[in-house]
């Protein structure tokens, strides 16, 4: 259903953004990825 599909999408975005918070070389980019993870 739509709810499960949105759950998978937001979960994937959250995981990718959380990984980029740690691996981003620019600290400003890391903060922006953390904001994206909070939104997800």
ModelCIF file with pLDDT and N, C-alpha, C, O atoms, coordinates in Angstrom:
data_MODEL
#
_entry.id   MODEL 
#
_entity.id                         1 
_entity.type                       polymer 
_entity.pdbx_number_of_molecules   1 
#
_entity_poly.entity_id                      1 
_entity_poly.type                           'polypeptide(L)' 
_entity_poly.nstd_linkage                   no 
_entity_poly.nstd_monomer                   no 
_entity_poly.pdbx_seq_one_letter_code       
;(UNK)(UNK)(UNK)(UNK)(UNK)(UNK)(UNK)(UNK)(UNK)(UNK)(UNK)(UNK)(UNK)(UNK)(UNK)(UNK)
(UNK)(UNK)(UNK)(UNK)(UNK)(UNK)(UNK)(UNK)(UNK)(UNK)(UNK)(UNK)(UNK)(UNK)(UNK)(UNK)
(UNK)(UNK)(UNK)(UNK)(UNK)(UNK)(UNK)(UNK)
;
_entity_poly.pdbx_seq_one_letter_code_can   XXXXXXXXXXXXXXXXXXXXXXXXXXXXXXXXXXXXXXXX 
_entity_poly.pdbx_strand_id                 A 
#
loop_
_entity_poly_seq.entity_id 
_entity_poly_seq.num 
_entity_poly_seq.mon_id 
_entity_poly_seq.hetero 
1 1  UNK n 
1 2  UNK n 
1 3  UNK n 
1 4  UNK n 
1 5  UNK n 
1 6  UNK n 
1 7  UNK n 
1 8  UNK n 
1 9  UNK n 
1 10 UNK n 
1 11 UNK n 
1 12 UNK n 
1 13 UNK n 
1 14 UNK n 
1 15 UNK n 
1 16 UNK n 
1 17 UNK n 
1 18 UNK n 
1 19 UNK n 
1 20 UNK n 
1 21 UNK n 
1 22 UNK n 
1 23 UNK n 
1 24 UNK n 
1 25 UNK n 
1 26 UNK n 
1 27 UNK n 
1 28 UNK n 
1 29 UNK n 
1 30 UNK n 
1 31 UNK n 
1 32 UNK n 
1 33 UNK n 
1 34 UNK n 
1 35 UNK n 
1 36 UNK n 
1 37 UNK n 
1 38 UNK n 
1 39 UNK n 
1 40 UNK n 
#
_struct_asym.id          A 
_struct_asym.entity_id   1 
#
loop_
_ma_qa_metric.id 
_ma_qa_metric.mode 
_ma_qa_metric.name 
_ma_qa_metric.software_group_id 
_ma_qa_metric.type 
1 global pLDDT . pLDDT 
2 local  pLDDT . pLDDT 
#
_ma_qa_metric_global.metric_id      1 
_ma_qa_metric_global.metric_value   87.53 
_ma_qa_metric_global.model_id       1 
_ma_qa_metric_global.ordinal_id     1 
#
loop_
_ma_qa_metric_local.label_asym_id 
_ma_qa_metric_local.label_comp_id 
_ma_qa_metric_local.label_seq_id 
_ma_qa_metric_local.metric_id 
_ma_qa_metric_local.metric_value 
_ma_qa_metric_local.model_id 
_ma_qa_metric_local.ordinal_id 
A UNK 1  2 81.00 1 1  
A UNK 2  2 85.00 1 2  
A UNK 3  2 83.00 1 3  
A UNK 4  2 84.00 1 4  
A UNK 5  2 88.00 1 5  
A UNK 6  2 89.00 1 6  
A UNK 7  2 87.00 1 7  
A UNK 8  2 89.00 1 8  
A UNK 9  2 91.00 1 9  
A UNK 10 2 91.00 1 10 
A UNK 11 2 89.00 1 11 
A UNK 12 2 91.00 1 12 
A UNK 13 2 92.00 1 13 
A UNK 14 2 91.00 1 14 
A UNK 15 2 89.00 1 15 
A UNK 16 2 92.00 1 16 
A UNK 17 2 92.00 1 17 
A UNK 18 2 90.00 1 18 
A UNK 19 2 88.00 1 19 
A UNK 20 2 89.00 1 20 
A UNK 21 2 88.00 1 21 
A UNK 22 2 82.00 1 22 
A UNK 23 2 82.00 1 23 
A UNK 24 2 82.00 1 24 
A UNK 25 2 80.00 1 25 
A UNK 26 2 81.00 1 26 
A UNK 27 2 81.00 1 27 
A UNK 28 2 83.00 1 28 
A UNK 29 2 86.00 1 29 
A UNK 30 2 85.00 1 30 
A UNK 31 2 86.00 1 31 
A UNK 32 2 88.00 1 32 
A UNK 33 2 91.00 1 33 
A UNK 34 2 89.00 1 34 
A UNK 35 2 90.00 1 35 
A UNK 36 2 91.00 1 36 
A UNK 37 2 91.00 1 37 
A UNK 38 2 91.00 1 38 
A UNK 39 2 91.00 1 39 
A UNK 40 2 92.00 1 40 
#
loop_
_atom_site.group_PDB 
_atom_site.id 
_atom_site.type_symbol 
_atom_site.label_atom_id 
_atom_site.label_alt_id 
_atom_site.label_comp_id 
_atom_site.label_asym_id 
_atom_site.label_entity_id 
_atom_site.label_seq_id 
_atom_site.pdbx_PDB_ins_code 
_atom_site.Cartn_x 
_atom_site.Cartn_y 
_atom_site.Cartn_z 
_atom_site.occupancy 
_atom_site.B_iso_or_equiv 
_atom_site.pdbx_formal_charge 
_atom_site.auth_seq_id 
_atom_site.auth_comp_id 
_atom_site.auth_asym_id 
_atom_site.auth_atom_id 
_atom_site.pdbx_PDB_model_num 
ATOM 1   N N  . UNK A 1 1  ? 0.833  -1.198 0.000  1.00 81.00 ? 1  UNK A N  1 
ATOM 2   C CA . UNK A 1 1  ? 0.000  0.000  0.000  1.00 81.00 ? 1  UNK A CA 1 
ATOM 3   C C  . UNK A 1 1  ? 0.874  1.257  0.000  1.00 81.00 ? 1  UNK A C  1 
ATOM 4   O O  . UNK A 1 1  ? 2.102  1.177  0.041  1.00 81.00 ? 1  UNK A O  1 
ATOM 5   N N  . UNK A 1 2  ? 0.223  2.406  -0.046 1.00 85.00 ? 2  UNK A N  1 
ATOM 6   C CA . UNK A 1 2  ? 0.940  3.683  -0.140 1.00 85.00 ? 2  UNK A CA 1 
ATOM 7   C C  . UNK A 1 2  ? 1.725  3.984  1.130  1.00 85.00 ? 2  UNK A C  1 
ATOM 8   O O  . UNK A 1 2  ? 2.837  4.508  1.061  1.00 85.00 ? 2  UNK A O  1 
ATOM 9   N N  . UNK A 1 3  ? 1.161  3.659  2.285  1.00 83.00 ? 3  UNK A N  1 
ATOM 10  C CA . UNK A 1 3  ? 1.836  3.943  3.548  1.00 83.00 ? 3  UNK A CA 1 
ATOM 11  C C  . UNK A 1 3  ? 3.139  3.165  3.673  1.00 83.00 ? 3  UNK A C  1 
ATOM 12  O O  . UNK A 1 3  ? 4.158  3.713  4.094  1.00 83.00 ? 3  UNK A O  1 
ATOM 13  N N  . UNK A 1 4  ? 3.105  1.891  3.308  1.00 84.00 ? 4  UNK A N  1 
ATOM 14  C CA . UNK A 1 4  ? 4.328  1.079  3.362  1.00 84.00 ? 4  UNK A CA 1 
ATOM 15  C C  . UNK A 1 4  ? 5.366  1.580  2.370  1.00 84.00 ? 4  UNK A C  1 
ATOM 16  O O  . UNK A 1 4  ? 6.561  1.594  2.667  1.00 84.00 ? 4  UNK A O  1 
ATOM 17  N N  . UNK A 1 5  ? 4.912  1.993  1.190  1.00 88.00 ? 5  UNK A N  1 
ATOM 18  C CA . UNK A 1 5  ? 5.839  2.524  0.185  1.00 88.00 ? 5  UNK A CA 1 
ATOM 19  C C  . UNK A 1 5  ? 6.518  3.799  0.687  1.00 88.00 ? 5  UNK A C  1 
ATOM 20  O O  . UNK A 1 5  ? 7.728  3.965  0.532  1.00 88.00 ? 5  UNK A O  1 
ATOM 21  N N  . UNK A 1 6  ? 5.730  4.706  1.294  1.00 89.00 ? 6  UNK A N  1 
ATOM 22  C CA . UNK A 1 6  ? 6.316  5.938  1.839  1.00 89.00 ? 6  UNK A CA 1 
ATOM 23  C C  . UNK A 1 6  ? 7.259  5.635  3.001  1.00 89.00 ? 6  UNK A C  1 
ATOM 24  O O  . UNK A 1 6  ? 8.274  6.309  3.174  1.00 89.00 ? 6  UNK A O  1 
ATOM 25  N N  . UNK A 1 7  ? 6.919  4.617  3.797  1.00 87.00 ? 7  UNK A N  1 
ATOM 26  C CA . UNK A 1 7  ? 7.803  4.228  4.895  1.00 87.00 ? 7  UNK A CA 1 
ATOM 27  C C  . UNK A 1 7  ? 9.156  3.763  4.365  1.00 87.00 ? 7  UNK A C  1 
ATOM 28  O O  . UNK A 1 7  ? 10.193 4.110  4.931  1.00 87.00 ? 7  UNK A O  1 
ATOM 29  N N  . UNK A 1 8  ? 9.157  2.988  3.295  1.00 89.00 ? 8  UNK A N  1 
ATOM 30  C CA . UNK A 1 8  ? 10.413 2.510  2.711  1.00 89.00 ? 8  UNK A CA 1 
ATOM 31  C C  . UNK A 1 8  ? 11.224 3.674  2.140  1.00 89.00 ? 8  UNK A C  1 
ATOM 32  O O  . UNK A 1 8  ? 12.443 3.728  2.298  1.00 89.00 ? 8  UNK A O  1 
ATOM 33  N N  . UNK A 1 9  ? 10.533 4.603  1.475  1.00 91.00 ? 9  UNK A N  1 
ATOM 34  C CA . UNK A 1 9  ? 11.231 5.745  0.870  1.00 91.00 ? 9  UNK A CA 1 
ATOM 35  C C  . UNK A 1 9  ? 11.876 6.618  1.941  1.00 91.00 ? 9  UNK A C  1 
ATOM 36  O O  . UNK A 1 9  ? 13.061 6.940  1.845  1.00 91.00 ? 9  UNK A O  1 
ATOM 37  N N  . UNK A 1 10 ? 11.109 7.005  2.962  1.00 91.00 ? 10 UNK A N  1 
ATOM 38  C CA . UNK A 1 10 ? 11.648 7.878  4.006  1.00 91.00 ? 10 UNK A CA 1 
ATOM 39  C C  . UNK A 1 10 ? 12.722 7.170  4.833  1.00 91.00 ? 10 UNK A C  1 
ATOM 40  O O  . UNK A 1 10 ? 13.674 7.802  5.289  1.00 91.00 ? 10 UNK A O  1 
ATOM 41  N N  . UNK A 1 11 ? 12.570 5.877  5.021  1.00 89.00 ? 11 UNK A N  1 
ATOM 42  C CA . UNK A 1 11 ? 13.602 5.129  5.755  1.00 89.00 ? 11 UNK A CA 1 
ATOM 43  C C  . UNK A 1 11 ? 14.906 5.093  4.970  1.00 89.00 ? 11 UNK A C  1 
ATOM 44  O O  . UNK A 1 11 ? 15.983 5.256  5.544  1.00 89.00 ? 11 UNK A O  1 
ATOM 45  N N  . UNK A 1 12 ? 14.813 4.882  3.667  1.00 91.00 ? 12 UNK A N  1 
ATOM 46  C CA . UNK A 1 12 ? 16.014 4.871  2.840  1.00 91.00 ? 12 UNK A CA 1 
ATOM 47  C C  . UNK A 1 12 ? 16.695 6.239  2.830  1.00 91.00 ? 12 UNK A C  1 
ATOM 48  O O  . UNK A 1 12 ? 17.918 6.331  2.927  1.00 91.00 ? 12 UNK A O  1 
ATOM 49  N N  . UNK A 1 13 ? 15.893 7.303  2.712  1.00 92.00 ? 13 UNK A N  1 
ATOM 50  C CA . UNK A 1 13 ? 16.467 8.652  2.745  1.00 92.00 ? 13 UNK A CA 1 
ATOM 51  C C  . UNK A 1 13 ? 17.119 8.927  4.091  1.00 92.00 ? 13 UNK A C  1 
ATOM 52  O O  . UNK A 1 13 ? 18.180 9.549  4.152  1.00 92.00 ? 13 UNK A O  1 
ATOM 53  N N  . UNK A 1 14 ? 16.498 8.470  5.164  1.00 91.00 ? 14 UNK A N  1 
ATOM 54  C CA . UNK A 1 14 ? 17.064 8.666  6.501  1.00 91.00 ? 14 UNK A CA 1 
ATOM 55  C C  . UNK A 1 14 ? 18.397 7.947  6.653  1.00 91.00 ? 14 UNK A C  1 
ATOM 56  O O  . UNK A 1 14 ? 19.344 8.513  7.200  1.00 91.00 ? 14 UNK A O  1 
ATOM 57  N N  . UNK A 1 15 ? 18.484 6.710  6.177  1.00 89.00 ? 15 UNK A N  1 
ATOM 58  C CA . UNK A 1 15 ? 19.737 5.967  6.290  1.00 89.00 ? 15 UNK A CA 1 
ATOM 59  C C  . UNK A 1 15 ? 20.845 6.597  5.455  1.00 89.00 ? 15 UNK A C  1 
ATOM 60  O O  . UNK A 1 15 ? 21.977 6.728  5.920  1.00 89.00 ? 15 UNK A O  1 
ATOM 61  N N  . UNK A 1 16 ? 20.524 6.987  4.229  1.00 92.00 ? 16 UNK A N  1 
ATOM 62  C CA . UNK A 1 16 ? 21.532 7.606  3.363  1.00 92.00 ? 16 UNK A CA 1 
ATOM 63  C C  . UNK A 1 16 ? 22.014 8.929  3.958  1.00 92.00 ? 16 UNK A C  1 
ATOM 64  O O  . UNK A 1 16 ? 23.213 9.209  3.961  1.00 92.00 ? 16 UNK A O  1 
ATOM 65  N N  . UNK A 1 17 ? 21.077 9.745  4.462  1.00 92.00 ? 17 UNK A N  1 
ATOM 66  C CA . UNK A 1 17 ? 21.458 11.030 5.049  1.00 92.00 ? 17 UNK A CA 1 
ATOM 67  C C  . UNK A 1 17 ? 22.291 10.838 6.311  1.00 92.00 ? 17 UNK A C  1 
ATOM 68  O O  . UNK A 1 17 ? 23.232 11.595 6.552  1.00 92.00 ? 17 UNK A O  1 
ATOM 69  N N  . UNK A 1 18 ? 21.954 9.829  7.123  1.00 90.00 ? 18 UNK A N  1 
ATOM 70  C CA . UNK A 1 18 ? 22.738 9.576  8.333  1.00 90.00 ? 18 UNK A CA 1 
ATOM 71  C C  . UNK A 1 18 ? 24.163 9.140  7.996  1.00 90.00 ? 18 UNK A C  1 
ATOM 72  O O  . UNK A 1 18 ? 25.111 9.541  8.671  1.00 90.00 ? 18 UNK A O  1 
ATOM 73  N N  . UNK A 1 19 ? 24.315 8.325  6.959  1.00 88.00 ? 19 UNK A N  1 
ATOM 74  C CA . UNK A 1 19 ? 25.662 7.912  6.542  1.00 88.00 ? 19 UNK A CA 1 
ATOM 75  C C  . UNK A 1 19 ? 26.452 9.100  6.008  1.00 88.00 ? 19 UNK A C  1 
ATOM 76  O O  . UNK A 1 19 ? 27.649 9.221  6.269  1.00 88.00 ? 19 UNK A O  1 
ATOM 77  N N  . UNK A 1 20 ? 25.786 9.976  5.263  1.00 89.00 ? 20 UNK A N  1 
ATOM 78  C CA . UNK A 1 20 ? 26.470 11.140 4.712  1.00 89.00 ? 20 UNK A CA 1 
ATOM 79  C C  . UNK A 1 20 ? 26.854 12.150 5.787  1.00 89.00 ? 20 UNK A C  1 
ATOM 80  O O  . UNK A 1 20 ? 27.797 12.920 5.598  1.00 89.00 ? 20 UNK A O  1 
ATOM 81  N N  . UNK A 1 21 ? 26.144 12.161 6.907  1.00 88.00 ? 21 UNK A N  1 
ATOM 82  C CA . UNK A 1 21 ? 26.539 13.044 8.013  1.00 88.00 ? 21 UNK A CA 1 
ATOM 83  C C  . UNK A 1 21 ? 27.936 12.679 8.510  1.00 88.00 ? 21 UNK A C  1 
ATOM 84  O O  . UNK A 1 21 ? 28.718 13.557 8.874  1.00 88.00 ? 21 UNK A O  1 
ATOM 85  N N  . UNK A 1 22 ? 28.242 11.398 8.524  1.00 82.00 ? 22 UNK A N  1 
ATOM 86  C CA . UNK A 1 22 ? 29.535 10.942 9.028  1.00 82.00 ? 22 UNK A CA 1 
ATOM 87  C C  . UNK A 1 22 ? 30.614 11.010 7.954  1.00 82.00 ? 22 UNK A C  1 
ATOM 88  O O  . UNK A 1 22 ? 31.771 11.300 8.260  1.00 82.00 ? 22 UNK A O  1 
ATOM 89  N N  . UNK A 1 23 ? 30.254 10.749 6.709  1.00 82.00 ? 23 UNK A N  1 
ATOM 90  C CA . UNK A 1 23 ? 31.251 10.635 5.645  1.00 82.00 ? 23 UNK A CA 1 
ATOM 91  C C  . UNK A 1 23 ? 31.463 11.914 4.848  1.00 82.00 ? 23 UNK A C  1 
ATOM 92  O O  . UNK A 1 23 ? 32.406 11.979 4.059  1.00 82.00 ? 23 UNK A O  1 
ATOM 93  N N  . UNK A 1 24 ? 30.632 12.930 5.019  1.00 82.00 ? 24 UNK A N  1 
ATOM 94  C CA . UNK A 1 24 ? 30.786 14.170 4.247  1.00 82.00 ? 24 UNK A CA 1 
ATOM 95  C C  . UNK A 1 24 ? 32.063 14.898 4.682  1.00 82.00 ? 24 UNK A C  1 
ATOM 96  O O  . UNK A 1 24 ? 32.338 15.013 5.876  1.00 82.00 ? 24 UNK A O  1 
ATOM 97  N N  . UNK A 1 25 ? 32.835 15.385 3.716  1.00 80.00 ? 25 UNK A N  1 
ATOM 98  C CA . UNK A 1 25 ? 34.082 16.082 4.001  1.00 80.00 ? 25 UNK A CA 1 
ATOM 99  C C  . UNK A 1 25 ? 33.851 17.542 4.357  1.00 80.00 ? 25 UNK A C  1 
ATOM 100 O O  . UNK A 1 25 ? 34.654 18.141 5.073  1.00 80.00 ? 25 UNK A O  1 
ATOM 101 N N  . UNK A 1 26 ? 32.769 18.115 3.867  1.00 81.00 ? 26 UNK A N  1 
ATOM 102 C CA . UNK A 1 26 ? 32.445 19.507 4.186  1.00 81.00 ? 26 UNK A CA 1 
ATOM 103 C C  . UNK A 1 26 ? 31.531 19.532 5.407  1.00 81.00 ? 26 UNK A C  1 
ATOM 104 O O  . UNK A 1 26 ? 30.478 18.895 5.387  1.00 81.00 ? 26 UNK A O  1 
ATOM 105 N N  . UNK A 1 27 ? 31.900 20.249 6.470  1.00 81.00 ? 27 UNK A N  1 
ATOM 106 C CA . UNK A 1 27 ? 31.037 20.265 7.664  1.00 81.00 ? 27 UNK A CA 1 
ATOM 107 C C  . UNK A 1 27 ? 29.678 20.890 7.420  1.00 81.00 ? 27 UNK A C  1 
ATOM 108 O O  . UNK A 1 27 ? 28.698 20.499 8.055  1.00 81.00 ? 27 UNK A O  1 
ATOM 109 N N  . UNK A 1 28 ? 29.598 21.860 6.507  1.00 83.00 ? 28 UNK A N  1 
ATOM 110 C CA . UNK A 1 28 ? 28.300 22.460 6.187  1.00 83.00 ? 28 UNK A CA 1 
ATOM 111 C C  . UNK A 1 28 ? 27.393 21.434 5.525  1.00 83.00 ? 28 UNK A C  1 
ATOM 112 O O  . UNK A 1 28 ? 26.201 21.365 5.824  1.00 83.00 ? 28 UNK A O  1 
ATOM 113 N N  . UNK A 1 29 ? 27.955 20.643 4.628  1.00 86.00 ? 29 UNK A N  1 
ATOM 114 C CA . UNK A 1 29 ? 27.174 19.578 3.994  1.00 86.00 ? 29 UNK A CA 1 
ATOM 115 C C  . UNK A 1 29 ? 26.720 18.543 5.026  1.00 86.00 ? 29 UNK A C  1 
ATOM 116 O O  . UNK A 1 29 ? 25.608 18.024 4.936  1.00 86.00 ? 29 UNK A O  1 
ATOM 117 N N  . UNK A 1 30 ? 27.577 18.245 6.002  1.00 85.00 ? 30 UNK A N  1 
ATOM 118 C CA . UNK A 1 30 ? 27.204 17.290 7.048  1.00 85.00 ? 30 UNK A CA 1 
ATOM 119 C C  . UNK A 1 30 ? 26.013 17.798 7.856  1.00 85.00 ? 30 UNK A C  1 
ATOM 120 O O  . UNK A 1 30 ? 25.107 17.030 8.180  1.00 85.00 ? 30 UNK A O  1 
ATOM 121 N N  . UNK A 1 31 ? 26.014 19.084 8.179  1.00 86.00 ? 31 UNK A N  1 
ATOM 122 C CA . UNK A 1 31 ? 24.887 19.666 8.919  1.00 86.00 ? 31 UNK A CA 1 
ATOM 123 C C  . UNK A 1 31 ? 23.616 19.617 8.083  1.00 86.00 ? 31 UNK A C  1 
ATOM 124 O O  . UNK A 1 31 ? 22.545 19.307 8.606  1.00 86.00 ? 31 UNK A O  1 
ATOM 125 N N  . UNK A 1 32 ? 23.717 19.916 6.796  1.00 88.00 ? 32 UNK A N  1 
ATOM 126 C CA . UNK A 1 32 ? 22.540 19.871 5.928  1.00 88.00 ? 32 UNK A CA 1 
ATOM 127 C C  . UNK A 1 32 ? 22.009 18.442 5.785  1.00 88.00 ? 32 UNK A C  1 
ATOM 128 O O  . UNK A 1 32 ? 20.795 18.239 5.744  1.00 88.00 ? 32 UNK A O  1 
ATOM 129 N N  . UNK A 1 33 ? 22.884 17.470 5.711  1.00 91.00 ? 33 UNK A N  1 
ATOM 130 C CA . UNK A 1 33 ? 22.426 16.076 5.673  1.00 91.00 ? 33 UNK A CA 1 
ATOM 131 C C  . UNK A 1 33 ? 21.754 15.691 6.990  1.00 91.00 ? 33 UNK A C  1 
ATOM 132 O O  . UNK A 1 33 ? 20.802 14.909 6.992  1.00 91.00 ? 33 UNK A O  1 
ATOM 133 N N  . UNK A 1 34 ? 22.240 16.232 8.109  1.00 89.00 ? 34 UNK A N  1 
ATOM 134 C CA . UNK A 1 34 ? 21.590 15.957 9.384  1.00 89.00 ? 34 UNK A CA 1 
ATOM 135 C C  . UNK A 1 34 ? 20.196 16.570 9.434  1.00 89.00 ? 34 UNK A C  1 
ATOM 136 O O  . UNK A 1 34 ? 19.275 15.972 9.989  1.00 89.00 ? 34 UNK A O  1 
ATOM 137 N N  . UNK A 1 35 ? 20.037 17.749 8.863  1.00 90.00 ? 35 UNK A N  1 
ATOM 138 C CA . UNK A 1 35 ? 18.703 18.352 8.754  1.00 90.00 ? 35 UNK A CA 1 
ATOM 139 C C  . UNK A 1 35 ? 17.785 17.473 7.911  1.00 90.00 ? 35 UNK A C  1 
ATOM 140 O O  . UNK A 1 35 ? 16.620 17.279 8.257  1.00 90.00 ? 35 UNK A O  1 
ATOM 141 N N  . UNK A 1 36 ? 18.305 16.942 6.809  1.00 91.00 ? 36 UNK A N  1 
ATOM 142 C CA . UNK A 1 36 ? 17.514 16.041 5.970  1.00 91.00 ? 36 UNK A CA 1 
ATOM 143 C C  . UNK A 1 36 ? 17.112 14.780 6.721  1.00 91.00 ? 36 UNK A C  1 
ATOM 144 O O  . UNK A 1 36 ? 15.992 14.294 6.564  1.00 91.00 ? 36 UNK A O  1 
ATOM 145 N N  . UNK A 1 37 ? 18.014 14.250 7.531  1.00 91.00 ? 37 UNK A N  1 
ATOM 146 C CA . UNK A 1 37 ? 17.669 13.056 8.313  1.00 91.00 ? 37 UNK A CA 1 
ATOM 147 C C  . UNK A 1 37 ? 16.596 13.359 9.344  1.00 91.00 ? 37 UNK A C  1 
ATOM 148 O O  . UNK A 1 37 ? 15.737 12.517 9.605  1.00 91.00 ? 37 UNK A O  1 
ATOM 149 N N  . UNK A 1 38 ? 16.630 14.545 9.935  1.00 91.00 ? 38 UNK A N  1 
ATOM 150 C CA . UNK A 1 38 ? 15.583 14.921 10.882 1.00 91.00 ? 38 UNK A CA 1 
ATOM 151 C C  . UNK A 1 38 ? 14.226 15.052 10.178 1.00 91.00 ? 38 UNK A C  1 
ATOM 152 O O  . UNK A 1 38 ? 13.203 14.625 10.714 1.00 91.00 ? 38 UNK A O  1 
ATOM 153 N N  . UNK A 1 39 ? 14.223 15.631 9.000  1.00 91.00 ? 39 UNK A N  1 
ATOM 154 C CA . UNK A 1 39 ? 12.976 15.737 8.245  1.00 91.00 ? 39 UNK A CA 1 
ATOM 155 C C  . UNK A 1 39 ? 12.435 14.349 7.895  1.00 91.00 ? 39 UNK A C  1 
ATOM 156 O O  . UNK A 1 39 ? 11.230 14.113 7.984  1.00 91.00 ? 39 UNK A O  1 
ATOM 157 N N  . UNK A 1 40 ? 13.300 13.451 7.506  1.00 92.00 ? 40 UNK A N  1 
ATOM 158 C CA . UNK A 1 40 ? 12.857 12.094 7.185  1.00 92.00 ? 40 UNK A CA 1 
ATOM 159 C C  . UNK A 1 40 ? 12.295 11.387 8.415  1.00 92.00 ? 40 UNK A C  1 
ATOM 160 O O  . UNK A 1 40 ? 11.875 10.234 8.326  1.00 92.00 ? 40 UNK A O  1 
#
